[in-house]
Amino acid sequence: MLIDDHVILLDGLKALLAQEADFTLVGTASTAEAGLAMLAKEQPDVLITDFNLPGMDGLSLIRRVKKQFPHVKIMVLSMHQETHLVKEILREGVEAYLLKKDSHKELIEALRQVHAGKIYLSNEINKMLVRSLQGTDETKLLSDREREVLKLIAKEYSNKQIAEELFISEHTVETHRKNIFRKTGTGSLVGLIKFAYANNLI
C-alpha cells in the first residue's frame, strides 16, 4: 500500500509495481488519516509512505501503524536525508528508508528485502549514517535548511514568504518550523529567537 500526497509520484509507483509480478498494490492514499482507514480494511504486508504528509505527519503515522498494525512492514520513501530526522524515524522500527531520488531498481530491491524480513537502507542513507558516526554531522543541532528557515522566521517572514524565498512548499516550511521548535525545545517565537541568539544559530 502507498501513502503520498504527490499524485505524480503515486502514479509512477503504481506503474512500476504493475510491472512486478511479485507484488500486488492493494491501495493508495494521499493522507495519513485515509491511509490508516485503508490499512484497517486491506491489511497489506508492506506500507510505503512519505514522511511529509498533510495533517498527521509521517512520524506520528509510523507510530500509529506500529501500534495498531504490528504485522505491517513500513518503508519510508522521502526527500529528507538530514541525519537527525533519519535517525528519529529509524528508531521507530521502520524496515526501510529510501530517498525519492533513488532508482526504481533500488525501490524494488528494497521491497524484496523487506518482504523477506530484512532491513534496507538506500546507499545514500548508509553514507549519511557512516558520516554521522565519524562525527561530521552530529555536532549540528539544526540542518543547513533549518538554519535558513530560522533566519527568515527571525525576520518575521510568513510561511508563504519563506516558501517563496527558499523555493520550497509551504507544507515543507511548516515541517521545518515544527522540527526547529522541537529540536530547540522552545514553545514560542520569543523563546526560539532567544535560544537562537544564545546558541549562535542565527
Protein backbone atom coordinates (compact mmCIF):
# COMPACT_ATOMS: atom_id res chain seq x y z
CA MET A 1 0.00 0.00 0.00
CA LEU A 2 1.18 3.55 -0.78
CA ILE A 3 0.68 6.83 1.08
CA ASP A 4 1.90 10.05 -0.54
CA ASP A 5 0.28 13.39 -1.30
CA HIS A 6 2.03 13.78 -4.66
CA VAL A 7 -0.22 12.33 -7.37
CA ILE A 8 2.58 12.13 -9.94
CA LEU A 9 4.72 10.04 -7.57
CA LEU A 10 1.80 7.75 -6.74
CA ASP A 11 1.06 7.23 -10.43
CA GLY A 12 4.72 6.44 -11.10
CA LEU A 13 4.85 3.90 -8.28
CA LYS A 14 1.59 2.31 -9.44
CA ALA A 15 3.02 1.87 -12.94
CA LEU A 16 6.26 0.47 -11.53
CA LEU A 17 4.53 -2.07 -9.30
CA ALA A 18 2.18 -3.10 -12.12
CA GLN A 19 5.25 -4.43 -13.94
CA GLU A 20 6.27 -6.61 -10.99
CA ALA A 21 4.54 -9.97 -10.79
CA ASP A 22 5.81 -10.48 -7.21
CA PHE A 23 3.78 -7.59 -5.75
CA THR A 24 0.15 -6.52 -5.76
CA LEU A 25 -0.84 -2.93 -4.97
CA VAL A 26 -3.92 -3.02 -2.73
CA GLY A 27 -4.49 0.72 -2.44
CA THR A 28 -3.19 4.29 -2.28
CA ALA A 29 -3.94 7.25 -0.02
CA SER A 30 -2.88 10.90 -0.01
CA THR A 31 -3.19 11.50 3.75
CA ALA A 32 -2.17 9.58 6.86
CA GLU A 33 -5.76 9.53 8.11
CA ALA A 34 -7.07 7.98 4.88
CA GLY A 35 -4.13 5.60 4.93
CA LEU A 36 -4.95 4.33 8.42
CA ALA A 37 -8.55 3.65 7.41
CA MET A 38 -7.35 1.74 4.34
CA LEU A 39 -4.79 -0.20 6.37
CA ALA A 40 -7.54 -1.50 8.64
CA LYS A 41 -9.52 -2.66 5.61
CA GLU A 42 -6.78 -4.03 3.35
CA GLN A 43 -4.20 -5.33 5.88
CA PRO A 44 -1.21 -5.11 3.46
CA ASP A 45 2.12 -6.79 4.12
CA VAL A 46 4.13 -3.66 3.31
CA LEU A 47 3.34 0.05 3.58
CA ILE A 48 5.37 2.58 1.56
CA THR A 49 4.86 6.09 2.93
CA ASP A 50 6.26 9.58 2.60
CA PHE A 51 7.40 11.43 5.73
CA ASN A 52 5.90 14.80 4.76
CA LEU A 53 2.12 14.40 4.75
CA PRO A 54 -0.76 16.86 5.16
CA GLY A 55 -2.48 16.64 8.53
CA MET A 56 -0.85 13.95 10.65
CA ASP A 57 2.90 13.87 9.99
CA GLY A 58 4.77 10.79 8.90
CA LEU A 59 6.38 10.11 12.27
CA SER A 60 3.00 10.06 14.02
CA LEU A 61 1.67 7.79 11.27
CA ILE A 62 4.57 5.35 11.70
CA ARG A 63 3.96 5.17 15.45
CA ARG A 64 0.25 4.53 14.93
CA VAL A 65 0.89 1.81 12.35
CA LYS A 66 3.47 0.08 14.55
CA LYS A 67 0.99 0.09 17.43
CA GLN A 68 -2.22 -0.80 15.57
CA PHE A 69 -0.83 -2.98 12.77
CA PRO A 70 2.41 -4.53 14.09
CA HIS A 71 2.50 -7.09 11.26
CA VAL A 72 2.76 -4.34 8.60
CA LYS A 73 6.31 -3.63 7.45
CA ILE A 74 7.00 0.06 6.80
CA MET A 75 9.16 1.56 4.06
CA VAL A 76 9.75 5.33 4.21
CA LEU A 77 10.23 7.00 0.83
CA SER A 78 11.26 10.59 1.46
CA MET A 79 13.26 13.51 0.12
CA HIS A 80 14.67 14.16 3.60
CA GLN A 81 18.16 12.93 4.41
CA GLU A 82 19.00 15.04 7.44
CA THR A 83 20.83 12.91 10.00
CA HIS A 84 18.63 13.71 12.99
CA LEU A 85 15.41 13.07 11.08
CA VAL A 86 16.51 9.77 9.56
CA LYS A 87 17.73 8.51 12.94
CA GLU A 88 14.47 9.53 14.61
CA ILE A 89 12.45 7.62 12.02
CA LEU A 90 14.73 4.56 12.18
CA ARG A 91 14.30 4.48 15.97
CA GLU A 92 10.60 3.84 15.41
CA GLY A 93 11.47 0.49 13.86
CA VAL A 94 10.77 1.06 10.16
CA GLU A 95 12.06 -1.67 7.87
CA ALA A 96 13.44 0.57 5.10
CA TYR A 97 14.38 4.16 4.35
CA LEU A 98 14.88 5.34 0.77
CA LEU A 99 15.14 8.71 -0.92
CA LYS A 100 12.78 9.82 -3.68
CA LYS A 101 15.80 10.39 -5.88
CA ASP A 102 16.82 6.72 -5.60
CA SER A 103 16.30 4.49 -8.63
CA HIS A 104 13.23 2.36 -9.32
CA LYS A 105 15.54 -0.66 -9.28
CA GLU A 106 16.59 0.15 -5.72
CA LEU A 107 12.96 0.53 -4.62
CA ILE A 108 12.05 -2.91 -5.95
CA GLU A 109 15.14 -4.41 -4.31
CA ALA A 110 14.13 -2.77 -1.02
CA LEU A 111 10.61 -4.24 -1.34
CA ARG A 112 12.04 -7.71 -1.86
CA GLN A 113 14.42 -7.39 1.09
CA VAL A 114 11.73 -6.02 3.42
CA HIS A 115 9.23 -8.68 2.38
CA ALA A 116 11.89 -11.28 3.19
CA GLY A 117 12.15 -9.87 6.71
CA LYS A 118 15.31 -7.82 6.26
CA ILE A 119 16.14 -4.16 6.85
CA TYR A 120 17.01 -1.99 3.86
CA LEU A 121 18.67 1.43 3.79
CA SER A 122 19.48 3.09 0.49
CA ASN A 123 23.08 3.76 -0.46
CA GLU A 124 22.76 7.50 0.25
CA ILE A 125 21.25 6.89 3.68
CA ASN A 126 24.02 4.41 4.55
CA LYS A 127 26.64 7.01 3.58
CA MET A 128 24.92 9.64 5.70
CA LEU A 129 24.82 7.34 8.75
CA VAL A 130 28.52 6.48 8.34
CA ARG A 131 29.38 10.21 8.18
CA SER A 132 27.39 10.82 11.35
CA LEU A 133 29.35 8.07 13.14
CA GLN A 134 32.52 9.90 12.16
CA GLY A 135 31.16 12.99 13.89
CA THR A 136 30.82 15.23 10.84
CA ASP A 137 27.06 15.83 11.15
CA GLU A 138 26.25 15.07 14.76
CA THR A 139 27.54 18.36 16.15
CA LYS A 140 24.95 20.41 14.26
CA LEU A 141 21.71 20.94 16.12
CA LEU A 142 19.89 22.22 13.04
CA SER A 143 20.39 21.30 9.40
CA ASP A 144 21.54 23.96 6.95
CA ARG A 145 18.00 24.26 5.59
CA GLU A 146 16.54 24.60 9.09
CA ARG A 147 19.02 27.40 9.80
CA GLU A 148 17.89 29.16 6.64
CA VAL A 149 14.26 28.85 7.73
CA LEU A 150 15.14 30.01 11.25
CA LYS A 151 16.84 33.15 9.95
CA LEU A 152 13.72 34.05 7.98
CA ILE A 153 11.48 33.29 10.97
CA ALA A 154 13.62 35.74 12.97
CA LYS A 155 12.92 38.34 10.26
CA GLU A 156 9.19 37.69 10.84
CA TYR A 157 8.64 36.14 7.41
CA SER A 158 5.38 34.20 7.00
CA ASN A 159 5.40 30.55 5.87
CA LYS A 160 4.36 31.72 2.40
CA GLN A 161 7.20 34.27 2.24
CA ILE A 162 9.73 31.67 3.45
CA ALA A 163 8.48 29.19 0.84
CA GLU A 164 8.90 31.78 -1.91
CA GLU A 165 12.34 32.83 -0.68
CA LEU A 166 13.69 29.27 -0.48
CA PHE A 167 11.74 27.82 -3.43
CA ILE A 168 10.05 25.14 -1.33
CA SER A 169 6.40 24.41 -0.48
CA GLU A 170 4.57 25.98 2.46
CA HIS A 171 3.99 22.44 3.77
CA THR A 172 7.75 21.83 3.82
CA VAL A 173 8.27 25.15 5.63
CA GLU A 174 5.73 24.11 8.27
CA THR A 175 7.55 20.78 8.73
CA HIS A 176 10.88 22.60 9.17
CA ARG A 177 9.24 25.02 11.61
CA LYS A 178 7.89 22.15 13.75
CA ASN A 179 11.29 20.43 13.71
CA ILE A 180 13.06 23.65 14.72
CA PHE A 181 10.78 24.18 17.73
CA ARG A 182 11.08 20.52 18.74
CA LYS A 183 14.87 20.35 18.44
CA THR A 184 15.45 23.65 20.26
CA GLY A 185 12.95 22.74 22.97
CA THR A 186 11.16 26.08 22.64
CA GLY A 187 7.43 26.71 22.56
CA SER A 188 7.12 30.31 21.43
CA LEU A 189 8.62 32.61 18.83
CA VAL A 190 10.23 34.78 21.52
CA GLY A 191 11.74 31.73 23.21
CA LEU A 192 13.00 30.42 19.87
CA ILE A 193 14.69 33.71 18.96
CA LYS A 194 16.35 33.93 22.40
CA PHE A 195 17.61 30.36 22.05
CA ALA A 196 18.84 31.01 18.52
CA TYR A 197 20.89 34.07 19.51
CA ALA A 198 22.23 32.40 22.66
CA ASN A 199 23.47 29.42 20.65
CA ASN A 200 24.73 31.34 17.59
CA LEU A 201 22.16 29.72 15.31
CA ILE A 202 21.41 32.98 13.52
